[in-house]
């Protein structure tokens, strides 16, 4: 499925029906991609392959409602009186009587359904991004809070490594290991010092953002007065 343009599935064995459906959409940036499938193949339908289904309901194809309802995707079924008497509506299905204006109504309803689906998808994506950002912020706050504890521990490790390095008579391998411990402690200390710098930068950015919001509010208030 194209991630930029929604996909509309047209279920019908009548090419004229598909032509009328596609003609109800004007070409443009919001125009969807159309996929035509014969209604007798609806049992093989993959529900992740379309955003909206438009089906032609006939007395011999009442099973379409069951297949489309099971997929949970929005669907418009253009039906006749004989069809509506032989099927039941379940799930996100919209039954549209086949009057002389049905094609125009399909276009209007279809565009609105797709706009709503896209808005809900964007809202879900925004919520996922917000949740991820909150998780990262929580981790960052925890690391900043633990900075003092870790720094104190590193100071102790660094001090003991320095004492070992100045201890007379220690074998060369022990001195090499103590030197490695000291160097690693110094590197870790530099990392946690960077956390302190980041914390200060974030505080400054937050203050500047607050000042900008106040200035913007004052400007809007002045323009109103």
C-alpha atoms as a PDB file:
ATOM      1  CA  UNK A   1       0.000   0.000   0.000  1.00  0.00           C
ATOM      2  CA  UNK A   2       1.270   3.462  -0.842  1.00  0.00           C
ATOM      3  CA  UNK A   3       2.017   5.304   2.410  1.00  0.00           C
ATOM      4  CA  UNK A   4       1.236   8.712   0.871  1.00  0.00           C
ATOM      5  CA  UNK A   5      -1.970   7.946  -0.992  1.00  0.00           C
ATOM      6  CA  UNK A   6      -4.812   5.847   0.435  1.00  0.00           C
ATOM      7  CA  UNK A   7      -5.975   2.756  -1.439  1.00  0.00           C
ATOM      8  CA  UNK A   8      -9.620   2.247  -2.376  1.00  0.00           C
ATOM      9  CA  UNK A   9     -10.665  -1.293  -3.221  1.00  0.00           C
ATOM     10  CA  UNK A  10     -13.585  -1.614  -5.663  1.00  0.00           C
ATOM     11  CA  UNK A  11     -15.354  -4.968  -5.405  1.00  0.00           C
ATOM     12  CA  UNK A  12     -17.519  -5.653  -8.446  1.00  0.00           C
ATOM     13  CA  UNK A  13     -17.756  -7.881 -11.489  1.00  0.00           C
ATOM     14  CA  UNK A  14     -19.179  -4.978 -13.503  1.00  0.00           C
ATOM     15  CA  UNK A  15     -16.515  -2.716 -15.121  1.00  0.00           C
ATOM     16  CA  UNK A  16     -19.117   0.033 -15.493  1.00  0.00           C
ATOM     17  CA  UNK A  17     -19.557   0.126 -11.702  1.00  0.00           C
ATOM     18  CA  UNK A  18     -15.813   0.619 -11.221  1.00  0.00           C
ATOM     19  CA  UNK A  19     -15.753   3.381 -13.841  1.00  0.00           C
ATOM     20  CA  UNK A  20     -18.551   5.235 -12.085  1.00  0.00           C
ATOM     21  CA  UNK A  21     -16.791   4.935  -8.726  1.00  0.00           C
ATOM     22  CA  UNK A  22     -13.449   6.236  -9.991  1.00  0.00           C
ATOM     23  CA  UNK A  23     -15.163   9.026 -11.933  1.00  0.00           C
ATOM     24  CA  UNK A  24     -16.682  10.307  -8.671  1.00  0.00           C
ATOM     25  CA  UNK A  25     -13.191  11.270  -7.503  1.00  0.00           C
ATOM     26  CA  UNK A  26     -11.595  14.286  -9.140  1.00  0.00           C
ATOM     27  CA  UNK A  27      -7.880  13.931  -9.917  1.00  0.00           C
ATOM     28  CA  UNK A  28      -5.697  15.759  -7.439  1.00  0.00           C
ATOM     29  CA  UNK A  29      -3.289  15.329  -4.524  1.00  0.00           C
ATOM     30  CA  UNK A  30      -6.053  13.749  -2.407  1.00  0.00           C
ATOM     31  CA  UNK A  31      -7.086  11.300  -5.110  1.00  0.00           C
ATOM     32  CA  UNK A  32      -6.615   7.683  -3.905  1.00  0.00           C
ATOM     33  CA  UNK A  33      -5.221   4.685  -5.716  1.00  0.00           C
ATOM     34  CA  UNK A  34      -7.951   2.351  -6.970  1.00  0.00           C
ATOM     35  CA  UNK A  35      -7.710  -1.442  -7.048  1.00  0.00           C
ATOM     36  CA  UNK A  36     -10.420  -3.475  -8.816  1.00  0.00           C
ATOM     37  CA  UNK A  37     -11.337  -6.981  -7.638  1.00  0.00           C
ATOM     38  CA  UNK A  38     -14.174  -9.229  -8.747  1.00  0.00           C
ATOM     39  CA  UNK A  39     -16.682  -9.768  -5.980  1.00  0.00           C
ATOM     40  CA  UNK A  40     -16.481 -13.564  -6.207  1.00  0.00           C
ATOM     41  CA  UNK A  41     -12.824 -13.294  -5.055  1.00  0.00           C
ATOM     42  CA  UNK A  42     -13.652 -11.408  -1.871  1.00  0.00           C
ATOM     43  CA  UNK A  43     -12.927 -14.490   0.267  1.00  0.00           C
ATOM     44  CA  UNK A  44      -9.246 -14.115  -0.696  1.00  0.00           C
ATOM     45  CA  UNK A  45      -9.200 -10.459   0.310  1.00  0.00           C
ATOM     46  CA  UNK A  46      -6.253  -9.159   2.369  1.00  0.00           C
ATOM     47  CA  UNK A  47      -7.598  -6.499   4.681  1.00  0.00           C
ATOM     48  CA  UNK A  48      -4.209  -4.816   5.107  1.00  0.00           C
ATOM     49  CA  UNK A  49      -4.083  -4.033   1.380  1.00  0.00           C
ATOM     50  CA  UNK A  50      -6.669  -1.228   1.337  1.00  0.00           C
ATOM     51  CA  UNK A  51      -7.973   1.714   3.362  1.00  0.00           C
ATOM     52  CA  UNK A  52     -11.550   1.801   2.074  1.00  0.00           C
ATOM     53  CA  UNK A  53     -13.652  -0.771   0.209  1.00  0.00           C
ATOM     54  CA  UNK A  54     -16.512   0.081  -2.138  1.00  0.00           C
ATOM     55  CA  UNK A  55     -18.573  -2.932  -3.123  1.00  0.00           C
ATOM     56  CA  UNK A  56     -21.530  -3.556  -5.376  1.00  0.00           C
ATOM     57  CA  UNK A  57     -24.195  -5.430  -3.459  1.00  0.00           C
ATOM     58  CA  UNK A  58     -26.470  -7.754  -5.398  1.00  0.00           C
ATOM     59  CA  UNK A  59     -28.886 -10.511  -4.348  1.00  0.00           C
ATOM     60  CA  UNK A  60     -26.196 -13.088  -5.143  1.00  0.00           C
ATOM     61  CA  UNK A  61     -23.373 -11.420  -3.217  1.00  0.00           C
ATOM     62  CA  UNK A  62     -24.717 -10.854   0.294  1.00  0.00           C
ATOM     63  CA  UNK A  63     -21.620 -12.605   1.731  1.00  0.00           C
ATOM     64  CA  UNK A  64     -19.630  -9.466   0.915  1.00  0.00           C
ATOM     65  CA  UNK A  65     -20.889  -7.872   4.146  1.00  0.00           C
ATOM     66  CA  UNK A  66     -19.484 -10.736   6.232  1.00  0.00           C
ATOM     67  CA  UNK A  67     -16.065 -10.599   4.581  1.00  0.00           C
ATOM     68  CA  UNK A  68     -15.745  -6.817   4.802  1.00  0.00           C
ATOM     69  CA  UNK A  69     -17.055  -6.633   8.364  1.00  0.00           C
ATOM     70  CA  UNK A  70     -14.505  -9.235   9.443  1.00  0.00           C
ATOM     71  CA  UNK A  71     -11.678  -7.039   8.145  1.00  0.00           C
ATOM     72  CA  UNK A  72     -12.629  -4.084  10.340  1.00  0.00           C
ATOM     73  CA  UNK A  73     -11.890  -1.563   7.579  1.00  0.00           C
ATOM     74  CA  UNK A  74     -14.468   1.041   6.503  1.00  0.00           C
ATOM     75  CA  UNK A  75     -16.586   0.015   3.529  1.00  0.00           C
ATOM     76  CA  UNK A  76     -19.428   1.385   1.414  1.00  0.00           C
ATOM     77  CA  UNK A  77     -21.827  -1.113  -0.122  1.00  0.00           C
ATOM     78  CA  UNK A  78     -23.992   0.186  -2.960  1.00  0.00           C
ATOM     79  CA  UNK A  79     -27.062  -2.018  -2.819  1.00  0.00           C
ATOM     80  CA  UNK A  80     -30.504  -2.606  -4.220  1.00  0.00           C
ATOM     81  CA  UNK A  81     -33.672  -3.247  -2.228  1.00  0.00           C
ATOM     82  CA  UNK A  82     -33.423  -6.988  -2.861  1.00  0.00           C
ATOM     83  CA  UNK A  83     -29.871  -7.003  -1.491  1.00  0.00           C
ATOM     84  CA  UNK A  84     -30.660  -5.081   1.674  1.00  0.00           C
ATOM     85  CA  UNK A  85     -33.437  -7.529   2.541  1.00  0.00           C
ATOM     86  CA  UNK A  86     -30.976 -10.453   2.420  1.00  0.00           C
ATOM     87  CA  UNK A  87     -28.047  -9.117   4.457  1.00  0.00           C
ATOM     88  CA  UNK A  88     -27.267  -7.688   7.861  1.00  0.00           C
ATOM     89  CA  UNK A  89     -25.011  -4.732   8.617  1.00  0.00           C
ATOM     90  CA  UNK A  90     -22.042  -5.438  10.921  1.00  0.00           C
ATOM     91  CA  UNK A  91     -18.839  -3.575  11.642  1.00  0.00           C
ATOM     92  CA  UNK A  92     -17.822  -0.293   9.964  1.00  0.00           C
ATOM     93  CA  UNK A  93     -20.063  -0.818   6.919  1.00  0.00           C
ATOM     94  CA  UNK A  94     -22.165   1.869   5.269  1.00  0.00           C
ATOM     95  CA  UNK A  95     -25.067   0.733   3.074  1.00  0.00           C
ATOM     96  CA  UNK A  96     -25.940   3.143   0.275  1.00  0.00           C
ATOM     97  CA  UNK A  97     -29.059   2.651  -1.796  1.00  0.00           C
ATOM     98  CA  UNK A  98     -28.428   2.558  -5.534  1.00  0.00           C
ATOM     99  CA  UNK A  99     -30.330   5.676  -6.555  1.00  0.00           C
ATOM    100  CA  UNK A 100     -29.464   7.773  -9.612  1.00  0.00           C
ATOM    101  CA  UNK A 101     -27.050   9.923  -7.540  1.00  0.00           C
ATOM    102  CA  UNK A 102     -25.233   7.044  -5.881  1.00  0.00           C
ATOM    103  CA  UNK A 103     -21.876   7.638  -7.633  1.00  0.00           C
ATOM    104  CA  UNK A 104     -21.650  11.251  -6.469  1.00  0.00           C
ATOM    105  CA  UNK A 105     -22.573  10.211  -2.923  1.00  0.00           C
ATOM    106  CA  UNK A 106     -19.890   7.523  -2.959  1.00  0.00           C
ATOM    107  CA  UNK A 107     -17.287  10.127  -3.843  1.00  0.00           C
ATOM    108  CA  UNK A 108     -18.368  12.497  -1.068  1.00  0.00           C
ATOM    109  CA  UNK A 109     -18.646   9.784   1.582  1.00  0.00           C
ATOM    110  CA  UNK A 110     -15.441   8.078   0.481  1.00  0.00           C
ATOM    111  CA  UNK A 111     -13.374  11.250   0.690  1.00  0.00           C
ATOM    112  CA  UNK A 112     -14.724  12.021   4.155  1.00  0.00           C
ATOM    113  CA  UNK A 113     -14.037   8.489   5.394  1.00  0.00           C
ATOM    114  CA  UNK A 114     -10.465   8.586   4.100  1.00  0.00           C
ATOM    115  CA  UNK A 115      -9.838  12.005   5.648  1.00  0.00           C
ATOM    116  CA  UNK A 116     -11.070  10.718   8.993  1.00  0.00           C
ATOM    117  CA  UNK A 117      -8.990   7.560   8.750  1.00  0.00           C
ATOM    118  CA  UNK A 118      -5.855   9.569   7.915  1.00  0.00           C
ATOM    119  CA  UNK A 119      -6.504  11.982  10.789  1.00  0.00           C
ATOM    120  CA  UNK A 120      -6.901   9.083  13.219  1.00  0.00           C
ATOM    121  CA  UNK A 121      -3.718   7.465  11.869  1.00  0.00           C
ATOM    122  CA  UNK A 122      -1.757  10.679  12.343  1.00  0.00           C
ATOM    123  CA  UNK A 123      -3.161  11.001  15.877  1.00  0.00           C
ATOM    124  CA  UNK A 124      -2.034   7.455  16.714  1.00  0.00           C
ATOM    125  CA  UNK A 125       1.431   8.150  15.308  1.00  0.00           C
ATOM    126  CA  UNK A 126       1.672  11.386  17.291  1.00  0.00           C
ATOM    127  CA  UNK A 127       0.675   9.531  20.459  1.00  0.00           C
ATOM    128  CA  UNK A 128       3.348   6.893  19.831  1.00  0.00           C
ATOM    129  CA  UNK A 129       5.976   9.603  19.307  1.00  0.00           C
ATOM    130  CA  UNK A 130       4.840  11.376  22.473  1.00  0.00           C
ATOM    131  CA  UNK A 131       5.056   8.155  24.498  1.00  0.00           C
ATOM    132  CA  UNK A 132       8.550   7.446  23.139  1.00  0.00           C
ATOM    133  CA  UNK A 133       9.674  11.000  23.929  1.00  0.00           C
ATOM    134  CA  UNK A 134       8.324  10.715  27.476  1.00  0.00           C
ATOM    135  CA  UNK A 135      10.173   7.427  27.976  1.00  0.00           C
ATOM    136  CA  UNK A 136      13.439   8.976  26.773  1.00  0.00           C
ATOM    137  CA  UNK A 137      12.869  12.030  28.966  1.00  0.00           C
ATOM    138  CA  UNK A 138      12.278   9.811  32.001  1.00  0.00           C
ATOM    139  CA  UNK A 139      15.499   7.931  31.290  1.00  0.00           C
ATOM    140  CA  UNK A 140      17.388  11.200  30.873  1.00  0.00           C
ATOM    141  CA  UNK A 141      16.037  12.571  34.174  1.00  0.00           C
ATOM    142  CA  UNK A 142      17.006   9.357  35.944  1.00  0.00           C
ATOM    143  CA  UNK A 143      20.534   9.509  34.564  1.00  0.00           C
ATOM    144  CA  UNK A 144      20.899  13.136  35.638  1.00  0.00           C
ATOM    145  CA  UNK A 145      19.594  12.306  39.111  1.00  0.00           C
ATOM    146  CA  UNK A 146      22.069   9.416  39.394  1.00  0.00           C
ATOM    147  CA  UNK A 147      24.970  11.541  38.169  1.00  0.00           C
ATOM    148  CA  UNK A 148      26.082  12.587  41.668  1.00  0.00           C
ATOM    149  CA  UNK A 149      25.976   9.025  42.970  1.00  0.00           C
ATOM    150  CA  UNK A 150      27.977   7.684  40.035  1.00  0.00           C
ATOM    151  CA  UNK A 151      30.446  10.586  40.181  1.00  0.00           C
ATOM    152  CA  UNK A 152      31.106   9.935  43.876  1.00  0.00           C
ATOM    153  CA  UNK A 153      31.714   6.246  43.144  1.00  0.00           C
ATOM    154  CA  UNK A 154      34.062   7.124  40.286  1.00  0.00           C
ATOM    155  CA  UNK A 155      35.989   9.516  42.544  1.00  0.00           C
ATOM    156  CA  UNK A 156      36.542   6.655  44.979  1.00  0.00           C
ATOM    157  CA  UNK A 157      37.664   4.312  42.180  1.00  0.00           C
ATOM    158  CA  UNK A 158      39.977   6.971  40.752  1.00  0.00           C
ATOM    159  CA  UNK A 159      41.507   7.695  44.155  1.00  0.00           C
ATOM    160  CA  UNK A 160      42.225   4.059  44.866  1.00  0.00           C
ATOM    161  CA  UNK A 161      43.722   3.580  41.392  1.00  0.00           C
ATOM    162  CA  UNK A 162      46.048   6.546  42.026  1.00  0.00           C
ATOM    163  CA  UNK A 163      47.126   5.021  45.358  1.00  0.00           C
ATOM    164  CA  UNK A 164      47.917   1.740  43.654  1.00  0.00           C
ATOM    165  CA  UNK A 165      49.958   3.480  40.987  1.00  0.00           C
ATOM    166  CA  UNK A 166      52.086   5.134  43.683  1.00  0.00           C
ATOM    167  CA  UNK A 167      52.413   2.003  45.794  1.00  0.00           C
ATOM    168  CA  UNK A 168      56.081   0.900  45.704  1.00  0.00           C
ATOM    169  CA  UNK A 169      57.029  -2.638  44.809  1.00  0.00           C
ATOM    170  CA  UNK A 170      53.879  -3.633  42.914  1.00  0.00           C
ATOM    171  CA  UNK A 171      54.354  -5.956  39.917  1.00  0.00           C
ATOM    172  CA  UNK A 172      54.140  -4.400  36.452  1.00  0.00           C
ATOM    173  CA  UNK A 173      50.885  -6.253  35.509  1.00  0.00           C
ATOM    174  CA  UNK A 174      49.153  -4.866  38.611  1.00  0.00           C
ATOM    175  CA  UNK A 175      50.341  -1.350  37.793  1.00  0.00           C
ATOM    176  CA  UNK A 176      49.072  -1.738  34.211  1.00  0.00           C
ATOM    177  CA  UNK A 177      45.646  -2.830  35.459  1.00  0.00           C
ATOM    178  CA  UNK A 178      45.520   0.075  37.922  1.00  0.00           C
ATOM    179  CA  UNK A 179      46.411   2.469  35.124  1.00  0.00           C
ATOM    180  CA  UNK A 180      43.584   1.038  32.991  1.00  0.00           C
ATOM    181  CA  UNK A 181      41.144   1.446  35.893  1.00  0.00           C
ATOM    182  CA  UNK A 182      42.212   5.076  36.360  1.00  0.00           C
ATOM    183  CA  UNK A 183      41.836   5.868  32.639  1.00  0.00           C
ATOM    184  CA  UNK A 184      38.397   4.268  32.415  1.00  0.00           C
ATOM    185  CA  UNK A 185      37.272   6.120  35.543  1.00  0.00           C
ATOM    186  CA  UNK A 186      38.431   9.403  34.013  1.00  0.00           C
ATOM    187  CA  UNK A 187      36.516   8.693  30.786  1.00  0.00           C
ATOM    188  CA  UNK A 188      33.340   7.833  32.686  1.00  0.00           C
ATOM    189  CA  UNK A 189      33.726  10.969  34.761  1.00  0.00           C
ATOM    190  CA  UNK A 190      33.951  13.034  31.561  1.00  0.00           C
ATOM    191  CA  UNK A 191      30.737  11.436  30.297  1.00  0.00           C
ATOM    192  CA  UNK A 192      28.826  12.295  33.464  1.00  0.00           C
ATOM    193  CA  UNK A 193      30.241  15.803  33.478  1.00  0.00           C
ATOM    194  CA  UNK A 194      28.695  16.148  30.026  1.00  0.00           C
ATOM    195  CA  UNK A 195      25.305  15.289  31.589  1.00  0.00           C
ATOM    196  CA  UNK A 196      25.718  18.302  33.859  1.00  0.00           C
ATOM    197  CA  UNK A 197      26.426  20.486  30.812  1.00  0.00           C
ATOM    198  CA  UNK A 198      23.372  19.123  28.994  1.00  0.00           C
ATOM    199  CA  UNK A 199      21.211  19.834  32.025  1.00  0.00           C
ATOM    200  CA  UNK A 200      22.352  23.464  32.035  1.00  0.00           C
ATOM    201  CA  UNK A 201      21.739  23.776  28.282  1.00  0.00           C
ATOM    202  CA  UNK A 202      18.204  22.393  28.657  1.00  0.00           C
ATOM    203  CA  UNK A 203      17.478  24.803  31.510  1.00  0.00           C
ATOM    204  CA  UNK A 204      18.654  27.765  29.405  1.00  0.00           C
ATOM    205  CA  UNK A 205      16.580  26.565  26.428  1.00  0.00           C
ATOM    206  CA  UNK A 206      13.489  26.210  28.626  1.00  0.00           C
ATOM    207  CA  UNK A 207      13.924  29.748  29.979  1.00  0.00           C
ATOM    208  CA  UNK A 208      14.377  31.163  26.471  1.00  0.00           C
ATOM    209  CA  UNK A 209      11.313  29.289  25.257  1.00  0.00           C
ATOM    210  CA  UNK A 210       9.298  30.727  28.147  1.00  0.00           C
ATOM    211  CA  UNK A 211      10.492  34.251  27.339  1.00  0.00           C
ATOM    212  CA  UNK A 212       9.531  33.815  23.673  1.00  0.00           C
ATOM    213  CA  UNK A 213       6.057  32.597  24.605  1.00  0.00           C
ATOM    214  CA  UNK A 214       5.555  35.576  26.925  1.00  0.00           C
ATOM    215  CA  UNK A 215       6.748  38.010  24.224  1.00  0.00           C
ATOM    216  CA  UNK A 216       4.435  36.397  21.656  1.00  0.00           C
ATOM    217  CA  UNK A 217       1.481  36.594  24.054  1.00  0.00           C
ATOM    218  CA  UNK A 218       2.225  40.260  24.802  1.00  0.00           C
ATOM    219  CA  UNK A 219       2.437  41.026  21.073  1.00  0.00           C
ATOM    220  CA  UNK A 220      -0.905  39.331  20.396  1.00  0.00           C
ATOM    221  CA  UNK A 221      -2.508  41.149  23.336  1.00  0.00           C
ATOM    222  CA  UNK A 222      -1.155  44.517  22.115  1.00  0.00           C
ATOM    223  CA  UNK A 223      -2.503  43.894  18.608  1.00  0.00           C
ATOM    224  CA  UNK A 224      -5.949  43.143  20.016  1.00  0.00           C
ATOM    225  CA  UNK A 225      -5.963  46.266  22.181  1.00  0.00           C
END
